[in-house]
Amino acid sequence: MKKLNYILAIMAGALFASCEKTLELDYDKAGEEVLVVQGNVSNEGIYVILNALSNVTDSVSTCGLAGAEVSVAGSDGYEETLVYGDGRYYSPTNAVGVPGVTYTLHVKRGANECYAKSTMPNPTPIDSVRYKWLKMFGDVDIFMLYIYFNDNPDTEDYHLYSVERNGKTVRFYCAPDEGLSDVYNYRYIDLNTKLEWKEDEREKKEFHGMERTDVIYGGNSFNVSLRTVDKNTYRFFSSGDFNGSGVNPTSNLVGNNCVGYFSAYSVDKRSMVMPTYDEALKMK
């Protein structure tokens, strides 16, 4: 069995605007097209992105692939064929996901065909978002973003949470249900150490005022997102470990030469402004 390296761009709404990872894919026949599916149903809308790899030696996918039959159906009776537009998305005329409904995705393009199901969980609302310095080993201090939320201890919840700046995801984490009895929970996201912060500001000056898309600078506006997903979606992201392990993700797609995911989820967001370095130093 040979291996194929490919780039899987996780384009999951405003939460994951651009998160790329190099993965490996088993294949049997050279020259077969591999369809990369990114399907999303949420309280913000429904859309599907298709990429394709046509050559087993090509590590670059075609982003926004037209010419496919894409449909989404719900256990509540909703059913619609999605229309390709905006240069990359397949989307419905006007529909959003409903918690508790199980959605089925069907994608067909030539010899490639796949199905997947996902049940949309109830949302986990963000209660508040706060900054705090966390003392680590030695002289290392990390500036943290704490996301506080009310989690139902009677349900099995899985979360993906992230920080997005200017449409680009700069921090992304997976978090399973930890079975805590306390309904008031929090997650934290490391933003910068003091040393990294100084380096970020230095780079900004060296780029003549231009800001990198993967850095949150002082004064920048950004979004914090908390997405509640089903277990299969969590398994996809955690098994692939998009935080850096390099392991292939476990897809919930069933079919022929298709990889990727289909996720029905609920998302809550907060808009923030990054404090300056001097402002952050005053925070306890």
Protein backbone atom coordinates (compact mmCIF):
# COMPACT_ATOMS: atom_id res chain seq x y z
CA MET A 1 0.00 0.00 0.00
CA LYS A 2 1.46 3.34 -1.03
CA LYS A 3 0.99 6.67 0.75
CA LEU A 4 -0.17 10.04 -0.55
CA ASN A 5 0.63 13.29 1.20
CA TYR A 6 -2.04 15.93 0.82
CA ILE A 7 -3.09 19.28 2.27
CA LEU A 8 -6.44 19.30 4.04
CA ALA A 9 -7.72 22.84 4.55
CA ILE A 10 -10.22 22.88 7.40
CA MET A 11 -12.67 25.58 6.38
CA ALA A 12 -15.32 25.47 9.07
CA GLY A 13 -17.16 28.74 8.90
CA ALA A 14 -15.88 31.80 10.68
CA LEU A 15 -14.37 29.57 13.32
CA PHE A 16 -11.79 27.90 11.09
CA ALA A 17 -11.22 30.22 8.22
CA SER A 18 -7.89 28.68 7.31
CA CYS A 19 -6.24 25.77 9.10
CA GLU A 20 -3.96 23.67 6.95
CA LYS A 21 -2.27 20.40 7.79
CA THR A 22 -0.21 17.95 5.73
CA LEU A 23 -1.59 14.42 6.08
CA GLU A 24 -1.10 11.00 4.52
CA LEU A 25 -3.69 9.03 2.62
CA ASP A 26 -3.60 5.36 1.61
CA TYR A 27 -4.39 4.71 -2.01
CA ASP A 28 -4.51 1.65 -4.26
CA LYS A 29 -4.67 3.01 -7.79
CA ALA A 30 -2.48 5.77 -9.17
CA GLY A 31 -4.33 8.61 -10.85
CA GLU A 32 -7.57 8.27 -8.89
CA GLU A 33 -9.15 11.55 -7.83
CA VAL A 34 -9.50 12.03 -4.10
CA LEU A 35 -12.37 14.25 -3.01
CA VAL A 36 -11.76 16.33 0.13
CA VAL A 37 -15.12 17.19 1.75
CA GLN A 38 -15.70 19.88 4.36
CA GLY A 39 -19.38 19.90 5.30
CA ASN A 40 -20.90 22.23 7.88
CA VAL A 41 -24.39 22.72 9.34
CA SER A 42 -24.75 25.25 12.17
CA ASN A 43 -26.91 27.96 13.68
CA GLU A 44 -25.07 30.33 11.32
CA GLY A 45 -25.87 28.47 8.12
CA ILE A 46 -25.15 25.46 5.91
CA TYR A 47 -22.28 25.12 3.45
CA VAL A 48 -19.99 22.52 1.92
CA ILE A 49 -16.54 23.00 0.39
CA LEU A 50 -15.02 20.44 -1.97
CA ASN A 51 -11.37 20.12 -2.87
CA ALA A 52 -9.80 17.56 -5.19
CA LEU A 53 -6.50 15.82 -5.72
CA SER A 54 -6.24 14.42 -9.23
CA ASN A 55 -2.66 13.17 -9.17
CA VAL A 56 -1.27 10.94 -6.44
CA THR A 57 2.06 12.81 -6.60
CA ASP A 58 0.43 16.24 -6.29
CA SER A 59 0.31 17.69 -2.78
CA VAL A 60 -1.77 20.73 -3.78
CA SER A 61 -5.55 20.49 -3.81
CA THR A 62 -8.00 22.43 -5.93
CA CYS A 63 -9.92 24.66 -3.54
CA GLY A 64 -13.56 25.26 -4.33
CA LEU A 65 -14.44 22.46 -6.72
CA ALA A 66 -17.57 22.85 -8.87
CA GLY A 67 -19.53 20.21 -10.78
CA ALA A 68 -20.74 18.03 -7.91
CA GLU A 69 -24.18 16.98 -6.69
CA VAL A 70 -24.45 18.03 -3.04
CA SER A 71 -27.52 17.72 -0.85
CA VAL A 72 -28.37 17.95 2.86
CA ALA A 73 -31.42 16.41 4.54
CA GLY A 74 -32.63 16.67 8.14
CA SER A 75 -34.62 14.33 10.38
CA ASP A 76 -37.12 17.20 10.78
CA GLY A 77 -38.09 16.94 7.09
CA TYR A 78 -35.69 19.55 5.72
CA GLU A 79 -34.13 18.56 2.40
CA GLU A 80 -32.35 20.67 -0.18
CA THR A 81 -29.87 20.40 -3.03
CA LEU A 82 -27.07 22.88 -2.45
CA VAL A 83 -26.02 25.33 -5.16
CA TYR A 84 -22.39 26.15 -5.97
CA GLY A 85 -21.45 29.81 -5.73
CA ASP A 86 -19.09 32.46 -4.36
CA GLY A 87 -16.17 30.67 -5.94
CA ARG A 88 -16.01 27.78 -3.46
CA TYR A 89 -19.18 27.05 -1.46
CA TYR A 90 -22.16 24.78 -1.97
CA SER A 91 -24.98 26.34 0.05
CA PRO A 92 -28.80 26.30 0.32
CA THR A 93 -31.14 29.13 -0.55
CA ASN A 94 -31.78 30.10 3.07
CA ALA A 95 -31.43 27.61 5.92
CA VAL A 96 -29.71 27.18 9.27
CA GLY A 97 -29.22 24.16 11.48
CA VAL A 98 -31.61 23.24 14.31
CA PRO A 99 -30.35 21.63 17.55
CA GLY A 100 -31.48 18.04 18.02
CA VAL A 101 -31.88 17.40 14.29
CA THR A 102 -29.78 14.70 12.60
CA TYR A 103 -28.50 15.85 9.21
CA THR A 104 -27.37 13.67 6.31
CA LEU A 105 -24.90 14.88 3.68
CA HIS A 106 -24.72 13.31 0.20
CA VAL A 107 -21.93 14.24 -2.20
CA LYS A 108 -21.41 12.82 -5.69
CA ARG A 109 -18.89 13.87 -8.31
CA GLY A 110 -18.09 11.44 -11.09
CA ALA A 111 -16.97 8.15 -9.54
CA ASN A 112 -16.62 9.78 -6.11
CA GLU A 113 -19.62 9.46 -3.83
CA CYS A 114 -20.00 9.66 -0.05
CA TYR A 115 -22.51 10.03 2.76
CA ALA A 116 -22.28 11.18 6.36
CA LYS A 117 -24.57 11.89 9.30
CA SER A 118 -24.23 14.33 12.17
CA THR A 119 -26.62 15.40 14.94
CA MET A 120 -26.55 19.07 15.91
CA PRO A 121 -26.02 19.50 19.69
CA ASN A 122 -27.57 22.19 21.84
CA PRO A 123 -25.36 25.29 22.06
CA THR A 124 -22.99 25.95 24.95
CA PRO A 125 -23.24 29.70 25.56
CA ILE A 126 -20.14 31.69 26.45
CA ASP A 127 -20.65 33.42 29.78
CA SER A 128 -17.58 35.66 29.70
CA VAL A 129 -14.06 35.97 28.34
CA ARG A 130 -11.14 37.26 30.43
CA TYR A 131 -7.39 37.79 30.19
CA LYS A 132 -4.87 36.60 32.77
CA TRP A 133 -1.13 36.05 33.15
CA LEU A 134 -0.19 32.48 34.05
CA LYS A 135 3.14 31.82 35.74
CA MET A 136 4.96 28.84 34.22
CA PHE A 137 8.36 27.31 34.94
CA GLY A 138 11.37 29.58 35.41
CA ASP A 139 10.86 33.11 34.14
CA VAL A 140 8.19 32.15 31.60
CA ASP A 141 4.87 34.01 31.86
CA ILE A 142 2.06 33.25 29.39
CA PHE A 143 -0.79 35.63 28.64
CA MET A 144 -3.96 33.52 28.64
CA LEU A 145 -7.45 34.03 27.29
CA TYR A 146 -10.01 32.30 29.54
CA ILE A 147 -13.39 31.30 28.07
CA TYR A 148 -16.02 30.77 30.77
CA PHE A 149 -19.21 28.92 29.87
CA ASN A 150 -22.10 26.98 31.38
CA ASP A 151 -21.83 23.30 30.50
CA ASN A 152 -24.57 20.79 31.24
CA PRO A 153 -23.05 17.96 33.35
CA ASP A 154 -25.87 15.60 32.28
CA THR A 155 -24.92 15.66 28.59
CA GLU A 156 -21.86 14.37 26.74
CA ASP A 157 -20.51 17.54 25.17
CA TYR A 158 -17.49 18.03 22.95
CA HIS A 159 -16.00 21.41 22.14
CA LEU A 160 -13.75 23.05 19.59
CA TYR A 161 -12.65 26.55 20.47
CA SER A 162 -10.49 29.08 18.70
CA VAL A 163 -9.26 32.63 18.28
CA GLU A 164 -9.66 34.20 14.86
CA ARG A 165 -8.00 37.39 13.63
CA ASN A 166 -8.96 39.07 10.35
CA GLY A 167 -10.68 35.92 9.08
CA LYS A 168 -7.72 33.66 9.90
CA THR A 169 -7.60 31.18 12.76
CA VAL A 170 -4.49 31.75 14.87
CA ARG A 171 -5.30 29.45 17.82
CA PHE A 172 -7.33 26.21 17.76
CA TYR A 173 -8.03 23.53 20.39
CA CYS A 174 -10.17 20.42 20.91
CA ALA A 175 -11.78 19.69 24.29
CA PRO A 176 -13.89 16.64 25.25
CA ASP A 177 -16.54 16.42 27.93
CA GLU A 178 -14.59 15.92 31.14
CA GLY A 179 -17.56 14.74 33.18
CA LEU A 180 -17.29 17.57 35.71
CA SER A 181 -20.18 17.97 38.14
CA ASP A 182 -19.73 21.74 38.22
CA VAL A 183 -21.84 23.30 35.45
CA TYR A 184 -19.56 26.37 35.36
CA ASN A 185 -16.49 25.53 33.28
CA TYR A 186 -13.72 27.30 31.49
CA ARG A 187 -11.08 26.70 28.85
CA TYR A 188 -7.93 28.73 28.31
CA ILE A 189 -6.01 29.61 25.18
CA ASP A 190 -2.38 30.66 25.32
CA LEU A 191 -1.84 33.85 23.36
CA ASN A 192 1.78 34.90 23.93
CA THR A 193 4.65 34.61 26.32
CA LYS A 194 6.33 37.91 27.21
CA LEU A 195 9.26 37.03 24.96
CA GLU A 196 7.01 36.05 22.03
CA TRP A 197 5.05 39.26 22.47
CA LYS A 198 8.18 41.37 22.14
CA GLU A 199 9.18 39.37 19.07
CA ASP A 200 5.72 39.92 17.55
CA GLU A 201 6.00 43.68 18.02
CA ARG A 202 9.53 43.66 16.57
CA GLU A 203 8.36 41.73 13.51
CA LYS A 204 5.52 44.19 13.00
CA LYS A 205 8.03 47.05 12.84
CA GLU A 206 10.33 45.11 10.54
CA PHE A 207 7.40 44.46 8.19
CA HIS A 208 6.98 48.26 8.00
CA GLY A 209 3.72 48.27 9.91
CA MET A 210 2.25 45.25 8.13
CA GLU A 211 0.76 42.62 10.45
CA ARG A 212 1.20 38.88 10.03
CA THR A 213 -2.05 36.93 9.73
CA ASP A 214 -0.94 34.35 12.30
CA VAL A 215 -0.26 36.85 15.12
CA ILE A 216 -2.65 38.86 17.29
CA TYR A 217 -1.07 42.25 17.97
CA GLY A 218 -2.01 44.72 20.68
CA GLY A 219 -5.10 46.70 19.64
CA ASN A 220 -6.27 44.06 17.13
CA SER A 221 -9.92 43.05 17.08
CA PHE A 222 -10.55 39.32 17.01
CA ASN A 223 -13.26 36.70 17.56
CA VAL A 224 -13.39 33.98 20.20
CA SER A 225 -15.53 30.99 19.19
CA LEU A 226 -16.85 28.05 21.18
CA ARG A 227 -18.30 25.32 19.01
CA THR A 228 -20.28 22.40 20.47
CA VAL A 229 -19.91 19.35 18.22
CA ASP A 230 -20.91 15.70 18.18
CA LYS A 231 -18.53 12.89 19.11
CA ASN A 232 -17.60 11.99 15.52
CA THR A 233 -16.60 15.56 14.73
CA TYR A 234 -14.51 15.72 17.87
CA ARG A 235 -12.89 12.40 16.92
CA PHE A 236 -11.99 13.80 13.49
CA PHE A 237 -10.19 16.84 14.88
CA SER A 238 -8.64 15.14 17.90
CA SER A 239 -7.48 12.03 16.02
CA GLY A 240 -5.83 14.20 13.38
CA ASP A 241 -4.63 16.43 16.22
CA PHE A 242 -4.54 19.69 14.30
CA ASN A 243 -2.49 21.04 17.18
CA GLY A 244 0.47 19.21 15.70
CA SER A 245 0.86 15.42 16.04
CA GLY A 246 0.82 14.67 12.31
CA VAL A 247 -1.63 11.75 12.61
CA ASN A 248 -4.34 11.22 10.00
CA PRO A 249 -7.84 12.22 11.19
CA THR A 250 -10.70 9.73 11.49
CA SER A 251 -13.27 10.74 8.88
CA ASN A 252 -17.01 10.22 9.39
CA LEU A 253 -17.57 10.02 5.62
CA VAL A 254 -18.63 6.70 4.10
CA GLY A 255 -18.03 6.21 0.39
CA ASN A 256 -15.56 6.02 -2.45
CA ASN A 257 -12.28 8.00 -2.47
CA CYS A 258 -13.54 10.73 -0.14
CA VAL A 259 -11.82 12.19 2.90
CA GLY A 260 -12.74 15.02 5.25
CA TYR A 261 -15.66 15.56 7.59
CA PHE A 262 -19.33 16.48 7.96
CA SER A 263 -20.32 18.33 11.13
CA ALA A 264 -23.57 19.69 12.49
CA TYR A 265 -22.68 22.02 15.36
CA SER A 266 -23.74 24.98 17.46
CA VAL A 267 -21.42 27.95 17.89
CA ASP A 268 -21.29 30.96 20.21
CA LYS A 269 -18.88 33.88 19.70
CA ARG A 270 -17.47 36.93 21.40
CA SER A 271 -15.62 39.84 19.83
CA MET A 272 -12.56 41.11 21.72
CA VAL A 273 -9.76 43.65 21.45
CA MET A 274 -6.23 42.51 22.24
CA PRO A 275 -4.65 44.73 24.92
CA THR A 276 -1.29 46.30 24.20
CA TYR A 277 1.81 44.80 25.76
CA ASP A 278 1.94 47.53 28.44
CA GLU A 279 -1.78 47.11 29.22
CA ALA A 280 -1.36 43.36 29.54
CA LEU A 281 1.50 43.74 32.02
CA LYS A 282 -0.86 45.57 34.37
CA MET A 283 -3.33 42.68 34.39
CA LYS A 284 -3.27 40.18 37.24
